[in-house]
């Protein structure tokens, strides 16, 4: 049957066809555009991700057994500040020093305490001497109310009563520079406490740390990573951006001045400078590196030399602790130079490196920070840094070793900095959660000099140390930051679930414990059963002295070292390490276990009373049957 169309019908049909065709073309074009945009986005994302993966693959010698890849640095330690601040706090320690018969007013006049009935008081001043370390003047009588000579800052006093003779000491910057409230200089002050991890710093110094973070609003560098495990070799990168081994390659290095950061502030900005340390035996002084003459405007070492034979108590110098004396010296320095520009650094190692007395500083550091915060000129114009150059070394257990790779570092940026350098401040806030090192602190200080000189960041760049005021990549690895793998705290945690190798190792460990228990004569210890794996870390290229060293001999063996945290059927949590056994006669995988590498994390003192005194080395693995 033929269909007839009139002209009107044909025109309507043609119009509809044209409309549908246009609509189809528009839809097709839209689809093509969306497809192109998606492809470009996918290409960029994959390319960017590939580049980041290349960086991690190139720089990490950790096993990649997990089902996911972590870009950049993933911390192996818990660095939640609220948890740490509200966690364990070391018991307060106190030291009682002998009372001094004299005291000093804030402006430097001497006051005799009435109850001592002083008959005569003599005083002498101390100055730097490159050959002997110090010179001390002749003793001369001093009367109460007399002002000390502000040309000097270190004094010895001998005061006699009818029955006793007392020695007293003073370290204080007395000469104040003229203040100009319109001269807005950005000052810097640092306190370096040696060998304190972030966790230990907060537990030992809770009061002062909480004040710095919550009241002063100082920012903690959460992924601050050690460079070395020896104080001086960690102090050098913090204050120079160089590794110690790089500097001593020059055979004449001991004749030259190290490029310590205080020189940048002195030469570049004309600042007054201070350096004070609390131990004469520190390598920084005994190495004669740049310290054959007074390295700073104010130098504490002559005073330290002058008192070493006059006191047997390392914690007391006269009526005060040495830390208190140094903090008071620092306060007087800041107040004397607060408007003319200053850089000061206190380096305390004696309280924490070779002893565990750092808790003694908590109240004194709190008072120091409290005084700083209530001096408006200092608070508004001074960058303040609290930092440890390294965590403690030679930790017994792996979990402790991981924490010690994360020394404490926190920075307070004042109102003046935020006003003058807003962009740099925003970068700083963005960088506090990224991988940083002591060398980055030095590079940041270099930028403070540059900003004050030229209102821009320094052009100096070694591509290793990065300023906190610039852009630090989120993908930064330990290799990029110049951190040796044995000190690297960026650890990829392996997924412990459904991994047959991990389960096999855990079960072998349980069998090892039970075999050890069988060696105990007349033991009432229960046998262990495996319950679950809590955590696993895997390292390549290991030896017996570190988690992941770079020994070529070890690399050739292609061994792996494992860190485990597991729970047994008795609800006991153990951590242990084990290494692949070298087994050339069989394809079977064997593992070495050692009681010395076993640490029980669950406190069960009431559960191991069935162990006799002669078997105390097994107390870690024994759970007694009730």
Protein backbone atom coordinates (compact mmCIF):
# COMPACT_ATOMS: atom_id res chain seq x y z
CA UNK A 1 0.00 0.00 0.00
CA UNK A 2 1.46 3.38 -0.87
CA UNK A 3 1.49 6.14 1.67
CA UNK A 4 0.81 9.63 0.49
CA UNK A 5 2.51 12.63 2.05
CA UNK A 6 1.39 16.12 1.51
CA UNK A 7 3.83 19.00 1.51
CA UNK A 8 3.00 20.00 5.08
CA UNK A 9 3.75 16.49 6.37
CA UNK A 10 7.07 16.41 4.52
CA UNK A 11 8.13 19.76 5.97
CA UNK A 12 7.26 18.65 9.53
CA UNK A 13 9.19 15.40 9.06
CA UNK A 14 12.21 17.26 7.69
CA UNK A 15 12.13 19.66 10.61
CA UNK A 16 12.00 16.80 13.13
CA UNK A 17 14.90 15.00 11.42
CA UNK A 18 17.04 18.13 11.52
CA UNK A 19 16.26 18.67 15.21
CA UNK A 20 17.05 15.09 16.13
CA UNK A 21 20.26 15.19 14.08
CA UNK A 22 21.43 18.35 15.83
CA UNK A 23 20.62 16.87 19.21
CA UNK A 24 22.53 13.68 18.37
CA UNK A 25 25.54 15.64 17.18
CA UNK A 26 25.56 17.70 20.40
CA UNK A 27 25.31 14.57 22.54
CA UNK A 28 28.12 12.93 20.56
CA UNK A 29 30.35 16.00 20.89
CA UNK A 30 29.65 16.17 24.61
CA UNK A 31 30.55 12.49 25.02
CA UNK A 32 33.79 12.96 23.07
CA UNK A 33 34.78 15.99 25.18
CA UNK A 34 34.04 14.15 28.44
CA UNK A 35 36.04 11.15 27.23
CA UNK A 36 39.03 13.35 26.34
CA UNK A 37 38.90 15.11 29.73
CA UNK A 38 38.70 11.76 31.53
CA UNK A 39 41.64 10.36 29.53
CA UNK A 40 43.75 13.43 30.24
CA UNK A 41 42.91 13.23 33.93
CA UNK A 42 43.69 9.52 34.05
CA UNK A 43 46.97 10.01 32.20
CA UNK A 44 48.07 12.80 34.52
CA UNK A 45 47.05 10.87 37.65
CA UNK A 46 48.79 7.69 36.60
CA UNK A 47 51.87 9.58 35.46
CA UNK A 48 52.01 11.49 38.72
CA UNK A 49 51.46 8.35 40.74
CA UNK A 50 54.07 6.49 38.72
CA UNK A 51 56.62 9.20 39.42
CA UNK A 52 55.89 9.01 43.13
CA UNK A 53 56.12 5.24 43.08
CA UNK A 54 59.44 5.47 41.28
CA UNK A 55 60.75 7.70 44.06
CA UNK A 56 59.64 5.28 46.75
CA UNK A 57 60.84 2.25 44.87
CA UNK A 58 64.21 3.85 44.29
CA UNK A 59 64.73 4.99 47.85
CA UNK A 60 63.21 2.36 50.11
CA UNK A 61 64.80 -0.97 50.90
CA UNK A 62 61.73 -2.24 52.72
CA UNK A 63 59.91 -5.29 51.36
CA UNK A 64 56.83 -4.59 49.25
CA UNK A 65 54.81 -7.61 50.34
CA UNK A 66 51.69 -5.71 51.27
CA UNK A 67 48.73 -5.24 48.94
CA UNK A 68 49.03 -1.48 49.08
CA UNK A 69 51.78 1.04 48.45
CA UNK A 70 52.39 3.95 50.80
CA UNK A 71 53.49 7.11 49.03
CA UNK A 72 55.96 9.29 50.91
CA UNK A 73 56.81 8.71 54.54
CA UNK A 74 54.47 6.67 56.72
CA UNK A 75 55.57 6.88 60.35
CA UNK A 76 56.20 3.69 62.25
CA UNK A 77 55.54 5.40 65.57
CA UNK A 78 52.45 6.82 67.26
CA UNK A 79 52.74 10.60 67.07
CA UNK A 80 49.27 11.67 68.20
CA UNK A 81 50.11 14.62 70.44
CA UNK A 82 46.98 14.51 72.59
CA UNK A 83 47.64 10.83 73.31
CA UNK A 84 51.24 11.59 74.25
CA UNK A 85 50.39 14.66 76.35
CA UNK A 86 47.73 12.75 78.25
CA UNK A 87 49.79 9.57 78.50
CA UNK A 88 52.53 8.40 80.82
CA UNK A 89 54.47 11.08 82.69
CA UNK A 90 57.73 10.36 84.46
CA UNK A 91 57.66 10.86 88.24
CA UNK A 92 58.95 14.29 89.26
CA UNK A 93 62.56 14.44 90.36
CA UNK A 94 63.99 17.06 92.66
CA UNK A 95 67.53 17.99 93.63
CA UNK A 96 68.31 20.12 96.67
CA UNK A 97 71.31 22.40 96.27
CA UNK A 98 72.93 24.34 99.09
CA UNK A 99 71.53 27.79 99.69
CA UNK A 100 73.66 30.75 98.61
CA UNK A 101 74.40 33.52 101.16
CA UNK A 102 74.03 36.20 98.47
CA UNK A 103 71.58 37.01 95.68
CA UNK A 104 71.41 39.47 92.84
CA UNK A 105 68.83 42.01 91.82
CA UNK A 106 67.62 42.01 88.23
CA UNK A 107 69.86 45.00 87.43
CA UNK A 108 73.01 43.33 88.80
CA UNK A 109 73.45 44.70 92.31
CA UNK A 110 74.51 42.29 95.06
CA UNK A 111 72.35 41.53 98.09
CA UNK A 112 73.66 39.87 101.30
CA UNK A 113 71.16 37.57 103.05
CA UNK A 114 70.83 38.62 106.68
CA UNK A 115 70.59 35.14 108.19
CA UNK A 116 74.13 34.26 107.05
CA UNK A 117 75.79 37.20 108.85
CA UNK A 118 78.41 37.62 106.13
CA UNK A 119 81.63 39.22 107.32
CA UNK A 120 83.30 39.76 103.92
CA UNK A 121 82.58 38.92 100.30
CA UNK A 122 85.10 38.82 97.43
CA UNK A 123 84.41 38.60 93.71
CA UNK A 124 86.32 37.91 90.47
CA UNK A 125 85.29 37.90 86.84
CA UNK A 126 85.92 35.24 84.19
CA UNK A 127 86.85 35.82 80.52
CA UNK A 128 87.63 33.61 77.54
CA UNK A 129 91.21 32.48 76.87
CA UNK A 130 91.97 30.43 73.75
CA UNK A 131 94.91 28.63 75.33
CA UNK A 132 93.64 27.67 78.79
CA UNK A 133 89.91 28.07 78.19
CA UNK A 134 89.48 30.94 80.64
CA UNK A 135 91.19 33.59 82.74
CA UNK A 136 89.99 34.61 86.16
CA UNK A 137 90.82 38.00 87.67
CA UNK A 138 92.12 38.71 91.16
CA UNK A 139 89.49 38.60 93.88
CA UNK A 140 88.37 41.98 95.21
CA UNK A 141 86.02 42.88 98.02
CA UNK A 142 82.45 43.78 97.12
CA UNK A 143 79.90 45.49 99.37
CA UNK A 144 76.12 44.89 99.40
CA UNK A 145 74.22 47.13 97.00
CA UNK A 146 77.22 47.53 94.66
CA UNK A 147 76.53 47.01 90.92
CA UNK A 148 78.61 44.48 89.05
CA UNK A 149 80.70 45.62 86.11
CA UNK A 150 78.49 45.04 83.03
CA UNK A 151 81.55 44.54 80.82
CA UNK A 152 81.68 41.01 82.23
CA UNK A 153 79.01 38.34 82.52
CA UNK A 154 80.65 35.52 84.53
CA UNK A 155 81.49 35.97 88.21
CA UNK A 156 82.86 33.94 91.13
CA UNK A 157 82.15 34.95 94.73
CA UNK A 158 83.84 33.90 98.00
CA UNK A 159 81.87 34.91 101.05
CA UNK A 160 82.97 34.24 104.65
CA UNK A 161 80.98 34.06 107.84
CA UNK A 162 82.38 33.42 111.29
CA UNK A 163 82.48 29.65 110.74
CA UNK A 164 82.04 28.96 107.04
CA UNK A 165 83.26 29.92 103.59
CA UNK A 166 80.80 29.87 100.68
CA UNK A 167 81.34 29.84 96.90
CA UNK A 168 78.73 31.38 94.64
CA UNK A 169 78.57 31.89 90.88
CA UNK A 170 76.75 34.13 88.42
CA UNK A 171 76.28 33.93 84.65
CA UNK A 172 74.25 36.86 83.36
CA UNK A 173 74.34 39.33 80.48
CA UNK A 174 74.27 42.65 82.29
CA UNK A 175 75.00 45.13 79.51
CA UNK A 176 71.78 46.06 77.72
CA UNK A 177 71.73 47.47 74.21
CA UNK A 178 69.62 50.50 73.37
CA UNK A 179 66.08 49.62 72.42
CA UNK A 180 64.29 50.98 69.37
CA UNK A 181 60.62 49.90 69.36
CA UNK A 182 60.34 50.86 65.68
CA UNK A 183 63.19 48.58 64.61
CA UNK A 184 61.23 45.37 63.99
CA UNK A 185 63.90 42.69 63.91
CA UNK A 186 63.00 39.00 63.94
CA UNK A 187 65.00 37.24 66.66
CA UNK A 188 65.71 33.50 67.05
CA UNK A 189 66.28 31.40 70.17
CA UNK A 190 66.85 27.64 70.30
CA UNK A 191 67.02 25.09 73.10
CA UNK A 192 68.51 21.74 72.08
CA UNK A 193 68.14 18.82 74.52
CA UNK A 194 70.16 15.82 73.48
CA UNK A 195 68.90 12.30 72.80
CA UNK A 196 65.17 12.65 73.43
CA UNK A 197 62.53 11.01 71.28
CA UNK A 198 59.24 12.82 70.84
CA UNK A 199 57.59 10.38 73.24
CA UNK A 200 60.30 10.65 75.90
CA UNK A 201 60.50 14.45 75.67
CA UNK A 202 56.78 14.75 76.38
CA UNK A 203 56.75 12.15 79.16
CA UNK A 204 59.81 13.68 80.89
CA UNK A 205 58.91 17.36 80.32
CA UNK A 206 55.08 17.34 80.35
CA UNK A 207 54.44 20.69 82.01
CA UNK A 208 56.74 22.79 79.85
CA UNK A 209 55.81 20.93 76.66
CA UNK A 210 52.09 21.38 77.20
CA UNK A 211 52.67 25.09 77.85
CA UNK A 212 54.69 25.45 74.64
CA UNK A 213 52.12 23.62 72.51
CA UNK A 214 48.81 24.74 74.03
CA UNK A 215 49.55 28.17 75.47
CA UNK A 216 52.24 29.44 73.13
CA UNK A 217 50.74 27.57 70.14
CA UNK A 218 54.07 26.09 69.10
CA UNK A 219 53.81 23.54 66.28
CA UNK A 220 55.35 20.07 66.56
CA UNK A 221 57.11 18.52 63.55
CA UNK A 222 55.41 15.15 63.79
CA UNK A 223 57.65 13.28 61.33
CA UNK A 224 60.97 14.78 62.40
CA UNK A 225 63.59 12.10 61.71
CA UNK A 226 67.09 11.50 63.12
CA UNK A 227 70.17 11.77 60.91
CA UNK A 228 72.55 9.92 63.25
CA UNK A 229 72.56 8.28 66.67
CA UNK A 230 75.50 10.20 68.15
CA UNK A 231 74.99 13.69 69.61
CA UNK A 232 77.76 15.62 67.87
CA UNK A 233 77.19 13.93 64.52
CA UNK A 234 73.53 14.93 64.85
CA UNK A 235 74.26 18.45 66.09
CA UNK A 236 76.41 19.24 63.04
CA UNK A 237 73.58 18.75 60.48
CA UNK A 238 71.20 20.70 62.73
CA UNK A 239 73.49 23.72 62.75
CA UNK A 240 75.26 23.47 59.35
CA UNK A 241 73.14 21.38 56.91
CA UNK A 242 76.20 19.15 56.41
CA UNK A 243 76.80 15.62 57.57
CA UNK A 244 79.82 15.34 59.84
CA UNK A 245 81.48 12.81 57.51
CA UNK A 246 81.15 15.27 54.62
CA UNK A 247 83.05 17.97 56.50
CA UNK A 248 85.94 15.82 57.70
CA UNK A 249 86.74 14.69 54.14
CA UNK A 250 88.89 17.81 54.03
CA UNK A 251 92.15 16.77 55.79
CA UNK A 252 92.52 20.31 57.13
CA UNK A 253 88.98 20.53 58.48
CA UNK A 254 90.17 20.96 62.09
CA UNK A 255 91.93 24.18 61.11
CA UNK A 256 88.78 25.69 59.64
CA UNK A 257 85.63 27.12 61.11
CA UNK A 258 82.52 25.02 60.75
CA UNK A 259 79.73 27.01 59.05
CA UNK A 260 77.60 27.09 62.21
CA UNK A 261 74.25 28.84 61.82
CA UNK A 262 75.00 31.63 64.30
CA UNK A 263 77.58 32.98 61.83
CA UNK A 264 74.83 33.58 59.27
CA UNK A 265 72.94 35.77 61.73
CA UNK A 266 76.07 37.59 62.85
CA UNK A 267 77.45 38.32 59.39
CA UNK A 268 74.19 38.63 57.49
CA UNK A 269 72.12 40.64 59.97
CA UNK A 270 74.63 41.98 62.48
CA UNK A 271 72.91 40.10 65.30
CA UNK A 272 74.31 39.46 68.74
CA UNK A 273 74.82 35.71 69.18
CA UNK A 274 75.01 33.24 72.05
CA UNK A 275 76.12 29.62 72.31
CA UNK A 276 76.09 27.68 75.59
CA UNK A 277 76.59 23.98 76.32
CA UNK A 278 76.57 22.14 79.63
CA UNK A 279 79.32 19.53 79.15
CA UNK A 280 83.01 20.21 78.68
CA UNK A 281 83.45 16.74 77.22
CA UNK A 282 81.15 17.40 74.26
CA UNK A 283 82.72 16.71 70.87
CA UNK A 284 81.69 20.14 69.67
CA UNK A 285 84.27 21.69 71.97
CA UNK A 286 86.87 18.95 72.25
CA UNK A 287 87.11 18.66 68.45
CA UNK A 288 88.40 22.25 68.22
CA UNK A 289 86.09 22.89 65.29
CA UNK A 290 85.66 26.59 64.86
CA UNK A 291 85.93 27.11 68.61
CA UNK A 292 89.59 28.06 69.09
CA UNK A 293 88.29 31.54 69.72
CA UNK A 294 84.96 32.63 71.08
CA UNK A 295 82.53 31.61 68.31
CA UNK A 296 79.69 33.90 69.41
CA UNK A 297 79.18 37.27 71.07
CA UNK A 298 78.32 35.50 74.30
CA UNK A 299 80.05 32.16 74.96
CA UNK A 300 79.35 30.02 78.04
CA UNK A 301 82.36 27.70 77.93
CA UNK A 302 84.78 29.92 79.92
CA UNK A 303 82.33 29.89 82.83
CA UNK A 304 81.95 26.10 82.58
CA UNK A 305 85.73 25.66 82.61
CA UNK A 306 86.10 27.94 85.60
CA UNK A 307 83.74 25.99 87.87
CA UNK A 308 84.74 22.40 87.03
CA UNK A 309 87.19 22.11 89.94
CA UNK A 310 85.00 23.94 92.43
CA UNK A 311 82.02 21.60 92.48
CA UNK A 312 81.71 17.83 92.66
CA UNK A 313 77.96 17.83 92.10
CA UNK A 314 77.18 17.88 88.40
CA UNK A 315 73.58 18.87 89.11
CA UNK A 316 74.38 21.84 91.38
CA UNK A 317 76.54 24.88 90.80
CA UNK A 318 76.31 26.79 94.04
CA UNK A 319 72.63 27.02 94.90
CA UNK A 320 71.33 26.34 91.39
CA UNK A 321 71.27 23.52 88.91
CA UNK A 322 73.44 24.03 85.83
CA UNK A 323 70.37 23.90 83.60
CA UNK A 324 68.74 26.70 85.59
CA UNK A 325 71.92 28.78 85.33
CA UNK A 326 71.96 28.31 81.55
CA UNK A 327 68.27 29.18 81.19
CA UNK A 328 68.73 32.33 83.30
CA UNK A 329 71.77 33.22 81.18
CA UNK A 330 69.62 32.80 78.07
CA UNK A 331 66.85 34.98 79.49
CA UNK A 332 69.26 37.78 80.36
CA UNK A 333 70.74 37.56 76.86
CA UNK A 334 67.34 37.89 75.19
CA UNK A 335 66.21 40.76 77.38
CA UNK A 336 69.50 42.61 76.82
CA UNK A 337 69.30 42.33 73.02
CA UNK A 338 65.60 41.95 72.27
CA UNK A 339 65.36 45.01 70.01
CA UNK A 340 68.74 44.91 68.32
CA UNK A 341 68.45 41.39 66.91
CA UNK A 342 69.78 38.17 68.39
CA UNK A 343 70.36 34.48 67.79
CA UNK A 344 70.86 32.25 70.82
CA UNK A 345 71.35 28.51 71.25
CA UNK A 346 71.46 26.49 74.48
CA UNK A 347 72.71 22.91 74.03
CA UNK A 348 72.08 20.63 77.02
CA UNK A 349 73.38 17.06 76.86
CA UNK A 350 74.27 16.25 80.46
CA UNK A 351 70.66 15.84 81.61
CA UNK A 352 69.59 13.30 79.01
CA UNK A 353 72.46 11.75 77.04
CA UNK A 354 74.51 10.11 79.79
CA UNK A 355 71.90 10.31 82.54
CA UNK A 356 68.14 10.27 83.03
CA UNK A 357 67.79 13.57 84.88
CA UNK A 358 66.03 15.56 82.16
CA UNK A 359 62.86 15.58 84.27
CA UNK A 360 64.66 18.01 86.60
CA UNK A 361 64.41 20.65 83.87
CA UNK A 362 60.62 20.54 83.46
CA UNK A 363 59.64 23.21 86.00
CA UNK A 364 62.68 25.34 85.15
CA UNK A 365 61.90 25.21 81.43
CA UNK A 366 58.26 26.02 82.20
CA UNK A 367 59.30 29.12 84.17
CA UNK A 368 61.64 30.12 81.34
CA UNK A 369 58.87 29.82 78.71
CA UNK A 370 56.35 31.54 80.99
CA UNK A 371 58.71 34.51 81.39
CA UNK A 372 59.27 34.60 77.63
CA UNK A 373 55.55 34.60 76.87
CA UNK A 374 54.86 37.45 79.27
CA UNK A 375 57.51 39.70 77.71
CA UNK A 376 55.50 41.17 74.84
CA UNK A 377 58.49 42.38 72.82
CA UNK A 378 60.13 38.94 72.99
CA UNK A 379 56.92 37.01 72.35
CA UNK A 380 55.94 39.11 69.32
CA UNK A 381 59.38 39.16 67.66
CA UNK A 382 61.18 35.91 68.49
CA UNK A 383 61.16 32.59 66.66
CA UNK A 384 61.52 29.94 69.37
CA UNK A 385 62.66 26.38 68.67
CA UNK A 386 62.67 23.39 71.04
CA UNK A 387 64.43 20.41 69.49
CA UNK A 388 66.40 17.26 70.16
CA UNK A 389 69.11 16.54 67.63
CA UNK A 390 68.49 12.77 67.87
CA UNK A 391 66.61 10.09 69.75
CA UNK A 392 68.48 7.90 72.22
CA UNK A 393 70.68 5.17 70.73
CA UNK A 394 71.24 1.50 71.59
CA UNK A 395 67.62 0.66 72.32
CA UNK A 396 67.02 -2.91 73.41
CA UNK A 397 63.75 -3.52 71.59
CA UNK A 398 62.76 -2.80 68.01
CA UNK A 399 59.63 -0.84 68.89
CA UNK A 400 61.76 1.47 71.08
CA UNK A 401 64.29 1.84 68.28
CA UNK A 402 61.56 2.93 65.90
CA UNK A 403 60.38 5.62 68.32
CA UNK A 404 63.91 6.87 68.85
CA UNK A 405 64.16 7.74 65.17
CA UNK A 406 61.60 10.46 65.88
CA UNK A 407 63.29 13.11 68.08
CA UNK A 408 61.23 16.00 69.38
CA UNK A 409 61.06 19.24 67.41
CA UNK A 410 58.63 22.13 67.85
CA UNK A 411 58.66 25.70 66.54
CA UNK A 412 56.91 28.86 67.69
CA UNK A 413 56.52 31.56 65.05
CA UNK A 414 55.71 35.01 66.48
CA UNK A 415 53.17 37.61 65.45
CA UNK A 416 55.80 39.59 63.54
CA UNK A 417 56.65 36.64 61.32
CA UNK A 418 53.00 35.92 60.51
CA UNK A 419 52.44 39.57 59.57
CA UNK A 420 55.55 39.96 57.40
CA UNK A 421 55.67 36.51 55.77
CA UNK A 422 52.12 35.20 55.44
CA UNK A 423 52.83 32.90 52.47
CA UNK A 424 55.83 31.32 54.21
CA UNK A 425 53.75 30.79 57.35
CA UNK A 426 51.09 28.91 55.37
CA UNK A 427 53.81 26.70 53.89
CA UNK A 428 55.12 26.05 57.38
CA UNK A 429 51.69 24.87 58.57
CA UNK A 430 51.46 22.58 55.56
CA UNK A 431 54.88 21.04 56.25
CA UNK A 432 54.58 20.11 59.93
CA UNK A 433 53.07 16.70 59.08
CA UNK A 434 55.70 15.85 56.45
CA UNK A 435 59.07 14.12 56.71
CA UNK A 436 61.64 16.60 58.06
CA UNK A 437 65.19 16.38 59.44
CA UNK A 438 67.66 18.42 61.53
CA UNK A 439 69.15 19.71 58.27
CA UNK A 440 65.76 21.23 57.41
CA UNK A 441 65.87 23.25 60.64
CA UNK A 442 69.17 24.77 59.50
CA UNK A 443 67.79 25.49 56.03
CA UNK A 444 64.76 27.17 57.64
CA UNK A 445 67.05 29.39 59.73
CA UNK A 446 68.96 30.33 56.57
CA UNK A 447 65.64 31.47 55.11
CA UNK A 448 64.94 33.66 58.14
CA UNK A 449 68.21 35.48 57.42
CA UNK A 450 67.30 35.76 53.73
CA UNK A 451 63.76 36.98 54.44
CA UNK A 452 65.07 39.65 56.76
CA UNK A 453 67.74 40.68 54.24
CA UNK A 454 65.90 40.47 50.93
CA UNK A 455 62.26 39.66 51.78
CA UNK A 456 62.52 36.37 49.90
CA UNK A 457 63.67 32.81 50.50
CA UNK A 458 67.34 32.00 50.13
CA UNK A 459 68.53 30.86 46.66
CA UNK A 460 70.84 28.35 48.39
CA UNK A 461 69.61 24.83 47.67
CA UNK A 462 71.37 21.49 48.04
CA UNK A 463 68.20 19.53 47.05
CA UNK A 464 68.54 17.57 50.29
CA UNK A 465 67.73 19.94 53.14
CA UNK A 466 64.44 21.79 52.59
CA UNK A 467 63.14 24.89 54.32
CA UNK A 468 59.90 24.64 56.27
CA UNK A 469 58.93 27.93 54.63
CA UNK A 470 59.00 26.41 51.14
CA UNK A 471 57.15 23.48 49.60
CA UNK A 472 58.15 20.06 50.95
CA UNK A 473 56.80 17.23 48.74
CA UNK A 474 54.37 14.81 50.34
CA UNK A 475 56.24 12.06 48.49
CA UNK A 476 59.55 12.88 50.18
CA UNK A 477 61.46 9.75 51.18
CA UNK A 478 64.41 9.11 53.48
CA UNK A 479 66.72 8.94 50.45
CA UNK A 480 65.53 12.35 49.26
CA UNK A 481 66.12 13.81 52.73
CA UNK A 482 69.64 12.35 53.10
CA UNK A 483 68.64 9.91 55.85
CA UNK A 484 70.56 6.65 56.00
CA UNK A 485 68.20 3.68 55.96
CA UNK A 486 69.34 2.53 59.38
CA UNK A 487 67.93 5.75 60.81
CA UNK A 488 64.85 5.97 58.60
CA UNK A 489 61.54 6.09 60.44
CA UNK A 490 59.43 5.73 57.30
CA UNK A 491 58.38 2.12 57.52
CA UNK A 492 55.83 0.31 55.38
CA UNK A 493 53.72 -1.84 57.63
CA UNK A 494 52.86 -5.17 56.05
CA UNK A 495 49.32 -6.50 56.19
CA UNK A 496 49.48 -9.43 58.63
CA UNK A 497 46.21 -11.00 57.54
CA UNK A 498 46.05 -14.09 55.35
CA UNK A 499 49.78 -14.12 54.76
CA UNK A 500 51.00 -17.69 55.03
CA UNK A 501 54.64 -16.69 55.63
CA UNK A 502 53.74 -14.42 58.54
CA UNK A 503 51.45 -17.02 60.12
CA UNK A 504 54.18 -19.64 59.74
CA UNK A 505 56.74 -17.40 61.47
CA UNK A 506 54.33 -16.63 64.33
CA UNK A 507 53.61 -20.32 64.87
CA UNK A 508 57.33 -21.14 64.76
CA UNK A 509 57.89 -18.48 67.40
CA UNK A 510 55.24 -20.03 69.67
CA UNK A 511 56.96 -23.41 69.30
CA UNK A 512 60.26 -21.75 70.18
CA UNK A 513 58.75 -20.32 73.38
CA UNK A 514 57.36 -23.70 74.36
CA UNK A 515 60.72 -25.40 73.77
CA UNK A 516 62.38 -22.83 76.00
CA UNK A 517 59.76 -23.42 78.71
CA UNK A 518 60.54 -27.13 78.62
CA UNK A 519 64.14 -26.32 79.56
CA UNK A 520 63.04 -24.92 82.94
CA UNK A 521 63.39 -27.62 85.65
CA UNK A 522 60.19 -28.31 87.60
CA UNK A 523 58.44 -25.57 85.67
CA UNK A 524 54.80 -24.74 86.31
CA UNK A 525 54.70 -22.45 83.29
CA UNK A 526 51.85 -22.90 80.84
CA UNK A 527 52.48 -23.66 77.18
CA UNK A 528 51.60 -20.90 74.73
CA UNK A 529 49.22 -21.11 71.80
CA UNK A 530 49.07 -18.74 68.86
CA UNK A 531 46.03 -16.43 68.73
CA UNK A 532 46.64 -13.62 66.23
CA UNK A 533 49.19 -11.30 64.59
CA UNK A 534 48.87 -7.63 65.55
CA UNK A 535 51.66 -6.04 63.53
CA UNK A 536 54.46 -6.93 61.10
CA UNK A 537 57.39 -4.96 59.72
CA UNK A 538 59.75 -6.42 57.12
CA UNK A 539 63.26 -5.15 56.38
CA UNK A 540 65.81 -6.08 53.75
CA UNK A 541 69.61 -6.01 53.97
CA UNK A 542 69.91 -6.38 57.70
CA UNK A 543 72.73 -7.14 60.08
CA UNK A 544 72.93 -7.65 63.82
CA UNK A 545 73.39 -4.02 64.79
CA UNK A 546 70.57 -2.17 63.08
CA UNK A 547 67.19 -2.57 61.53
CA UNK A 548 68.18 -1.89 57.96
CA UNK A 549 71.83 -1.06 57.34
CA UNK A 550 73.43 -0.77 53.97
CA UNK A 551 76.13 -3.39 54.29
CA UNK A 552 77.08 -4.78 50.90
CA UNK A 553 78.03 -8.13 52.43
CA UNK A 554 74.60 -8.52 53.97
CA UNK A 555 72.86 -7.39 50.80
CA UNK A 556 74.44 -10.17 48.83
CA UNK A 557 72.78 -12.71 51.11
CA UNK A 558 69.32 -11.25 50.37
CA UNK A 559 68.14 -11.84 53.93
CA UNK A 560 65.10 -10.33 55.57
CA UNK A 561 64.51 -9.27 59.14
CA UNK A 562 61.00 -9.32 60.59
CA UNK A 563 59.50 -7.40 63.47
CA UNK A 564 56.35 -9.02 64.89
CA UNK A 565 53.80 -8.10 67.48
CA UNK A 566 51.52 -11.04 68.32
CA UNK A 567 48.96 -12.11 70.91
CA UNK A 568 48.92 -15.58 72.51
CA UNK A 569 46.00 -17.58 73.85
CA UNK A 570 46.73 -16.26 77.36
CA UNK A 571 46.09 -12.68 76.14
CA UNK A 572 49.79 -11.92 76.37
CA UNK A 573 51.27 -9.59 73.75
CA UNK A 574 54.84 -10.21 72.62
CA UNK A 575 57.10 -8.38 70.23
CA UNK A 576 60.08 -10.14 68.69
CA UNK A 577 62.46 -10.00 65.78
CA UNK A 578 63.71 -12.81 63.62
CA UNK A 579 65.99 -13.20 60.62
CA UNK A 580 65.96 -15.65 57.73
CA UNK A 581 68.37 -18.47 58.35
CA UNK A 582 70.86 -19.06 55.57
CA UNK A 583 69.91 -22.54 54.39
CA UNK A 584 71.68 -23.71 51.26
CA UNK A 585 70.82 -27.41 51.60
CA UNK A 586 67.06 -27.03 51.58
CA UNK A 587 64.33 -24.87 50.10
CA UNK A 588 62.59 -24.83 53.46
CA UNK A 589 62.50 -21.40 55.08
CA UNK A 590 64.04 -21.33 58.58
CA UNK A 591 64.12 -18.53 61.11
CA UNK A 592 66.36 -17.71 64.06
CA UNK A 593 64.78 -16.79 67.39
CA UNK A 594 66.54 -15.46 70.47
CA UNK A 595 65.14 -14.75 73.93
CA UNK A 596 67.10 -11.50 73.94
CA UNK A 597 64.94 -10.25 71.06
CA UNK A 598 61.68 -11.11 72.84
CA UNK A 599 59.81 -8.41 74.72
CA UNK A 600 56.58 -8.99 76.61
CA UNK A 601 54.40 -5.88 76.32
CA UNK A 602 51.64 -7.12 78.66
CA UNK A 603 52.36 -6.60 82.34
CA UNK A 604 51.79 -9.91 84.15
CA UNK A 605 53.97 -9.81 87.26
CA UNK A 606 51.45 -11.87 89.25
CA UNK A 607 51.54 -14.61 86.61
CA UNK A 608 55.21 -15.58 86.82
CA UNK A 609 55.75 -16.13 90.53
CA UNK A 610 56.22 -19.85 89.89
CA UNK A 611 59.65 -19.11 88.39
CA UNK A 612 62.50 -19.67 90.81
CA UNK A 613 65.06 -16.93 91.30
CA UNK A 614 67.69 -18.93 89.42
CA UNK A 615 65.53 -18.95 86.29
CA UNK A 616 64.79 -15.21 86.12
CA UNK A 617 66.02 -15.07 82.52
CA UNK A 618 62.84 -16.98 81.60
CA UNK A 619 60.49 -14.66 83.42
CA UNK A 620 59.55 -12.95 80.18
CA UNK A 621 57.95 -16.08 78.70
CA UNK A 622 56.48 -17.82 81.75
CA UNK A 623 52.76 -17.68 82.55
CA UNK A 624 52.05 -19.60 85.73
CA UNK A 625 49.17 -22.02 86.13
CA UNK A 626 46.86 -21.00 88.97
